[in-house]
C-alpha atoms as a PDB file:
ATOM      1  CA  MET A   1      67.644 127.657 162.107  1.00  0.00           C
ATOM      2  CA  ALA A   2      68.562 126.108 159.066  1.00  0.00           C
ATOM      3  CA  PHE A   3      71.977 127.650 159.639  1.00  0.00           C
ATOM      4  CA  ILE A   4      72.576 125.997 162.361  1.00  0.00           C
ATOM      5  CA  TYR A   5      71.427 122.430 161.636  1.00  0.00           C
ATOM      6  CA  GLN A   6      72.174 122.447 158.263  1.00  0.00           C
ATOM      7  CA  ARG A   7      75.790 124.056 158.131  1.00  0.00           C
ATOM      8  CA  ALA A   8      76.970 125.353 161.766  1.00  0.00           C
ATOM      9  CA  LYS A   9      76.545 121.928 163.383  1.00  0.00           C
ATOM     10  CA  THR A  10      77.882 120.260 160.379  1.00  0.00           C
ATOM     11  CA  ALA A  11      80.615 122.095 160.537  1.00  0.00           C
ATOM     12  CA  GLN A  12      79.760 123.456 156.677  1.00  0.00           C
ATOM     13  CA  SER A  13      79.813 127.071 157.688  1.00  0.00           C
ATOM     14  CA  HIS A  14      83.495 127.315 157.693  1.00  0.00           C
ATOM     15  CA  GLY A  15      83.626 129.996 159.729  1.00  0.00           C
ATOM     16  CA  ASP A  16      81.298 132.179 157.228  1.00  0.00           C
ATOM     17  CA  ALA A  17      78.467 133.972 159.467  1.00  0.00           C
ATOM     18  CA  SER A  18      77.259 135.906 156.343  1.00  0.00           C
ATOM     19  CA  GLU A  19      73.947 134.598 156.751  1.00  0.00           C
ATOM     20  CA  LEU A  20      73.769 135.391 160.623  1.00  0.00           C
ATOM     21  CA  VAL A  21      74.834 138.614 159.967  1.00  0.00           C
ATOM     22  CA  SER A  22      72.315 139.419 157.723  1.00  0.00           C
ATOM     23  CA  LEU A  23      69.923 138.284 159.836  1.00  0.00           C
ATOM     24  CA  ALA A  24      71.123 140.558 162.908  1.00  0.00           C
ATOM     25  CA  ASN A  25      71.022 143.313 160.198  1.00  0.00           C
ATOM     26  CA  SER A  26      67.461 142.520 159.192  1.00  0.00           C
ATOM     27  CA  LEU A  27      66.206 142.411 163.064  1.00  0.00           C
ATOM     28  CA  ARG A  28      67.962 146.091 163.659  1.00  0.00           C
ATOM     29  CA  ASP A  29      66.476 147.596 160.584  1.00  0.00           C
ATOM     30  CA  GLN A  30      63.362 146.183 162.832  1.00  0.00           C
ATOM     31  CA  GLY A  31      64.463 148.015 166.002  1.00  0.00           C
ATOM     32  CA  CYS A  32      65.942 145.806 167.557  1.00  0.00           C
ATOM     33  CA  ASP A  33      68.805 146.744 169.599  1.00  0.00           C
ATOM     34  CA  LEU A  34      70.178 143.646 171.233  1.00  0.00           C
ATOM     35  CA  ILE A  35      70.895 140.197 170.610  1.00  0.00           C
ATOM     36  CA  ILE A  36      71.425 137.576 172.782  1.00  0.00           C
ATOM     37  CA  ALA A  37      73.319 135.010 170.603  1.00  0.00           C
ATOM     38  CA  GLY A  38      72.048 132.027 173.081  1.00  0.00           C
ATOM     39  CA  CYS A  39      72.330 128.983 170.586  1.00  0.00           C
ATOM     40  CA  THR A  40      76.559 127.777 170.874  1.00  0.00           C
ATOM     41  CA  GLU A  41      76.508 127.563 167.480  1.00  0.00           C
ATOM     42  CA  VAL A  42      75.941 130.878 167.081  1.00  0.00           C
ATOM     43  CA  GLU A  43      77.830 132.280 169.504  1.00  0.00           C
ATOM     44  CA  MET A  44      80.568 130.932 168.258  1.00  0.00           C
ATOM     45  CA  CYS A  45      79.960 131.820 164.625  1.00  0.00           C
ATOM     46  CA  LEU A  46      79.417 135.646 165.535  1.00  0.00           C
ATOM     47  CA  ALA A  47      82.577 135.752 168.310  1.00  0.00           C
ATOM     48  CA  ARG A  48      85.009 135.211 165.248  1.00  0.00           C
ATOM     49  CA  LEU A  49      84.020 138.144 163.788  1.00  0.00           C
ATOM     50  CA  ASN A  50      86.292 141.472 163.939  1.00  0.00           C
ATOM     51  CA  ARG A  51      83.223 143.844 164.300  1.00  0.00           C
ATOM     52  CA  LEU A  52      79.733 143.567 164.899  1.00  0.00           C
ATOM     53  CA  GLU A  53      77.039 146.361 163.724  1.00  0.00           C
ATOM     54  CA  MET A  54      75.266 145.926 166.903  1.00  0.00           C
ATOM     55  CA  GLU A  55      75.354 144.474 170.250  1.00  0.00           C
ATOM     56  CA  PHE A  56      75.126 140.997 170.758  1.00  0.00           C
ATOM     57  CA  VAL A  57      75.203 139.298 174.293  1.00  0.00           C
ATOM     58  CA  PHE A  58      77.509 136.379 174.446  1.00  0.00           C
ATOM     59  CA  PRO A  59      76.021 133.833 177.262  1.00  0.00           C
ATOM     60  CA  LEU A  60      79.279 131.302 177.152  1.00  0.00           C
ATOM     61  CA  GLN A  61      81.651 134.316 177.413  1.00  0.00           C
ATOM     62  CA  ILE A  62      79.351 135.611 180.639  1.00  0.00           C
ATOM     63  CA  VAL A  63      79.224 132.122 182.018  1.00  0.00           C
ATOM     64  CA  ALA A  64      83.067 131.661 181.736  1.00  0.00           C
ATOM     65  CA  LYS A  65      84.030 134.867 183.488  1.00  0.00           C
ATOM     66  CA  ALA A  66      81.583 133.834 186.027  1.00  0.00           C
ATOM     67  CA  ILE A  67      83.579 130.246 185.965  1.00  0.00           C
ATOM     68  CA  VAL A  68      86.644 132.103 186.823  1.00  0.00           C
ATOM     69  CA  LEU A  69      85.918 135.006 189.176  1.00  0.00           C
ATOM     70  CA  ASP A  70      84.009 132.236 191.195  1.00  0.00           C
ATOM     71  CA  TRP A  71      87.514 130.286 191.071  1.00  0.00           C
ATOM     72  CA  GLN A  72      89.421 132.892 192.246  1.00  0.00           C
ATOM     73  CA  GLY A  73      86.772 133.889 195.112  1.00  0.00           C
ATOM     74  CA  ASP A  74      86.075 137.218 193.257  1.00  0.00           C
ATOM     75  CA  LEU A  75      82.365 136.806 192.352  1.00  0.00           C
ATOM     76  CA  PRO A  76      80.116 138.659 195.394  1.00  0.00           C
ATOM     77  CA  GLY A  77      77.260 137.381 196.508  1.00  0.00           C
ATOM     78  CA  VAL A  78      77.645 134.097 195.528  1.00  0.00           C
ATOM     79  CA  PRO A  79      78.466 131.504 197.979  1.00  0.00           C
ATOM     80  CA  ARG A  80      81.699 129.367 197.103  1.00  0.00           C
ATOM     81  CA  PHE A  81      81.114 125.742 196.717  1.00  0.00           C
ATOM     82  CA  LYS A  82      83.747 123.169 197.600  1.00  0.00           C
END
């Protein structure tokens, strides 16, 4: 939380996600298989990295893809809004 409120939200991280990567590695060492980057700032910092050592879910990317698919009419099972 300190990273989010003291660095990422104030643009002081300058793209440095090393604190987040350290936290993710610690969680992996404790048996975590997947991390949901549910905070916008966390997702944006981690998405800049070329290589992550564990699996992450990026909700903003999922929502963006769903919006495009809906706009194209290719999102099955979802009613179209006009």
